[in-house]
Each structure stands twice: as structure tokens, then as C-alpha cells.
Protein backbone atom coordinates (compact mmCIF):
# COMPACT_ATOMS: atom_id res chain seq x y z
CA MET A 1 -1.72 -49.20 21.88
CA LEU A 2 0.71 -52.09 21.58
CA ALA A 3 -0.18 -52.48 17.88
CA LEU A 4 0.78 -48.88 17.22
CA CYS A 5 4.07 -49.35 19.06
CA VAL A 6 4.85 -52.44 16.98
CA ALA A 7 4.01 -50.52 13.81
CA VAL A 8 6.43 -47.80 14.75
CA ILE A 9 9.39 -50.19 14.57
CA SER A 10 8.22 -52.67 11.92
CA PHE A 11 8.88 -51.02 8.58
CA THR A 12 11.07 -48.63 6.64
CA SER A 13 10.52 -46.02 3.96
CA CYS A 14 12.02 -43.67 1.43
CA ASN A 15 11.01 -40.04 1.91
CA ASN A 16 8.74 -39.48 -1.10
CA GLY A 17 6.32 -37.11 0.64
CA LEU A 18 3.52 -34.94 -0.60
CA GLU A 19 4.48 -31.47 -1.76
CA SER A 20 1.35 -29.48 -0.97
CA THR A 21 0.52 -27.66 2.24
CA ALA A 22 -2.52 -28.29 4.43
CA ASP A 23 -4.93 -25.49 5.34
CA PRO A 24 -5.63 -25.38 9.11
CA ALA A 25 -8.77 -23.33 8.48
CA THR A 26 -10.43 -26.21 6.63
CA GLN A 27 -8.29 -29.13 7.90
CA PRO A 28 -8.12 -28.43 11.66
CA ILE A 29 -5.72 -31.29 12.48
CA ALA A 30 -3.00 -29.73 10.30
CA GLY A 31 0.10 -28.87 12.30
CA LYS A 32 -1.25 -30.45 15.49
CA THR A 33 -0.37 -33.41 17.68
CA TYR A 34 -2.84 -35.87 19.24
CA ARG A 35 -2.13 -38.41 21.97
CA GLU A 36 -3.82 -41.36 23.68
CA THR A 37 -2.26 -42.16 27.04
CA ALA A 38 -2.70 -45.54 28.73
CA PRO A 39 -3.95 -45.70 32.33
CA GLY A 40 -1.06 -44.84 34.65
CA GLY A 41 0.43 -42.47 32.09
CA ASP A 42 3.55 -44.55 31.35
CA ALA A 43 2.57 -45.61 27.83
CA TYR A 44 1.11 -43.63 24.96
CA SER A 45 0.51 -43.42 21.23
CA GLN A 46 0.91 -40.04 19.55
CA LEU A 47 0.33 -38.74 16.03
CA THR A 48 1.55 -35.44 14.63
CA PHE A 49 -0.21 -34.24 11.47
CA HIS A 50 2.39 -32.06 9.73
CA MET A 51 1.46 -29.20 7.41
CA ASN A 52 2.97 -31.04 4.41
CA TYR A 53 0.58 -34.01 4.94
CA LYS A 54 3.29 -36.16 6.47
CA CYS A 55 2.42 -37.85 9.73
CA THR A 56 4.70 -38.92 12.57
CA LEU A 57 3.77 -41.71 14.96
CA VAL A 58 5.43 -41.98 18.37
CA GLY A 59 4.77 -45.06 20.49
CA LYS A 60 5.88 -45.51 24.07
CA GLN A 61 5.53 -48.76 25.98
CA VAL A 62 5.87 -49.03 29.76
CA GLY A 63 9.52 -49.11 30.79
CA LYS A 64 10.85 -48.42 27.30
CA ASP A 65 12.01 -45.35 25.41
CA PRO A 66 9.63 -43.79 22.85
CA VAL A 67 9.99 -45.00 19.27
CA THR A 68 9.27 -42.67 16.33
CA ASN A 69 8.19 -43.51 12.79
CA SER A 70 7.58 -40.88 10.10
CA ASN A 71 6.59 -43.31 7.32
CA PHE A 72 3.01 -42.04 7.12
CA GLU A 73 0.94 -39.49 5.24
CA TRP A 74 -2.46 -38.15 6.27
CA TRP A 75 -5.47 -36.86 4.41
CA MET A 76 -8.54 -34.91 5.44
CA SER A 77 -10.82 -33.33 2.84
CA PRO A 78 -11.47 -29.64 3.48
CA ASN A 79 -14.38 -29.12 5.90
CA ASP A 80 -14.88 -32.89 6.29
CA PRO A 81 -14.22 -34.62 9.64
CA ASN A 82 -12.97 -37.88 8.08
CA VAL A 83 -9.26 -38.59 8.53
CA VAL A 84 -7.09 -41.23 6.86
CA VAL A 85 -3.49 -42.13 7.77
CA ARG A 86 -1.71 -44.11 5.04
CA TYR A 87 1.74 -45.58 4.67
CA ALA A 88 4.01 -43.21 2.74
CA GLN A 89 5.28 -44.07 -0.73
CA GLY A 90 8.26 -46.41 -0.56
CA THR A 91 7.24 -48.01 2.75
CA TYR A 92 7.89 -51.75 3.10
CA ASP A 93 7.28 -54.26 5.86
CA THR A 94 10.80 -55.16 7.00
CA GLU A 95 9.77 -58.69 8.01
CA THR A 96 7.85 -59.71 4.88
CA GLY A 97 9.19 -57.29 2.24
CA GLU A 98 5.60 -56.41 1.31
CA SER A 99 5.06 -52.94 -0.13
CA LEU A 100 2.77 -50.93 2.13
CA SER A 101 2.85 -47.76 -0.02
CA GLY A 102 -0.50 -45.98 0.02
CA LYS A 103 -2.29 -48.59 2.13
CA THR A 104 -4.53 -47.31 4.91
CA PHE A 105 -3.06 -47.70 8.39
CA LEU A 106 -5.72 -45.83 10.42
CA SER A 107 -8.99 -44.12 9.54
CA GLY A 108 -11.64 -42.29 11.47
CA SER A 109 -12.81 -38.79 12.25
CA TYR A 110 -12.01 -35.49 13.94
CA ASP A 111 -14.38 -34.01 16.54
CA ALA A 112 -13.99 -30.22 16.71
CA THR A 113 -16.03 -29.96 19.92
CA THR A 114 -13.78 -32.26 21.96
CA LYS A 115 -10.63 -31.68 19.88
CA THR A 116 -10.15 -35.42 19.51
CA VAL A 117 -9.31 -37.75 16.66
CA THR A 118 -10.86 -41.22 16.82
CA LEU A 119 -8.98 -43.66 14.58
CA THR A 120 -9.41 -47.37 13.93
CA GLY A 121 -6.91 -49.68 12.28
CA GLY A 122 -3.61 -51.32 12.93
CA PHE A 123 -0.71 -53.31 11.62
CA ARG A 124 -0.76 -56.86 10.25
CA GLY A 125 -4.47 -57.31 10.87
CA GLU A 126 -4.46 -56.15 14.49
CA GLN A 127 -7.43 -53.79 14.73
CA ALA A 128 -7.87 -51.30 17.55
CA THR A 129 -9.57 -47.97 18.15
CA TYR A 130 -7.61 -44.99 19.43
CA ILE A 131 -9.21 -41.86 20.88
CA MET A 132 -6.51 -39.22 20.76
CA THR A 133 -6.77 -35.78 22.35
CA GLU A 134 -5.04 -32.68 21.04
CA VAL A 135 -1.77 -31.95 22.85
CA GLN A 136 -1.49 -28.31 23.88
């Protein structure tokens, strides 16, 4: 969870988003928000999969305000449970200057039965698995 929080504040982007619209009938994460909450409930990681394929990450650490980063895009093939979250075009690591455009940040799958998204990945080589449940 800490890796996601660090990623939220570690880079910047231009807003060169995708122009198509997702289909919730075949891409069930479209327009929905998923969250993994740490024990105690004071910290969480949250992803919102917008209809225009943009993705917003919100990270909250214990004792700190939530931090939001919208420098992501998501993809899910129609009727396929696999999900990929990539850095949006024009995204750069603010510490190294490296272009992150199009690189995979998280990948995994959607489970329609449990309404969860399980994603693995991270920032700067820190790998973690996140099991996020749909927020009602």
C-alpha cells in the first residue's frame, strides 16, 4: 500500500487521454471504484476506472491526507477479466526525468463473483499485490 501512496505523489503528466468510451456491459470495471483498506481502516489505496479509460489513484497513509493522481489509463478487453493500468501519455518520473508513458504500473484480473480487482505491480521496482473491492 505504501508503494501506491508513493506513486501517487512521484510523477507528473500532461492530459493526453484516450478518446473512446468503455462499455460497462463487456468491461465491468468501467465507471467503478475499487479500494483496498489496511487493517484498522486508517490507510487505503483506491482506483477509479473512468468511462474514458482514464484511471485515478488515491492513496491514504495513516495520519496523512489522501493524495490523488490521475496520470493513469486502464485497459480491459471486452469480456476478458484481465486488467492493465498504465502510465498516461506524457507522464514522467519527477525525480529521474524518465518517461513513464505507456509503461505498465499494475496488472491483474477482475473477479465478477466477488466484485474484486486483484492487481500486482508498483513503482520503481517495488512489487506488491492489491486485492481491491468495489466501493458501493
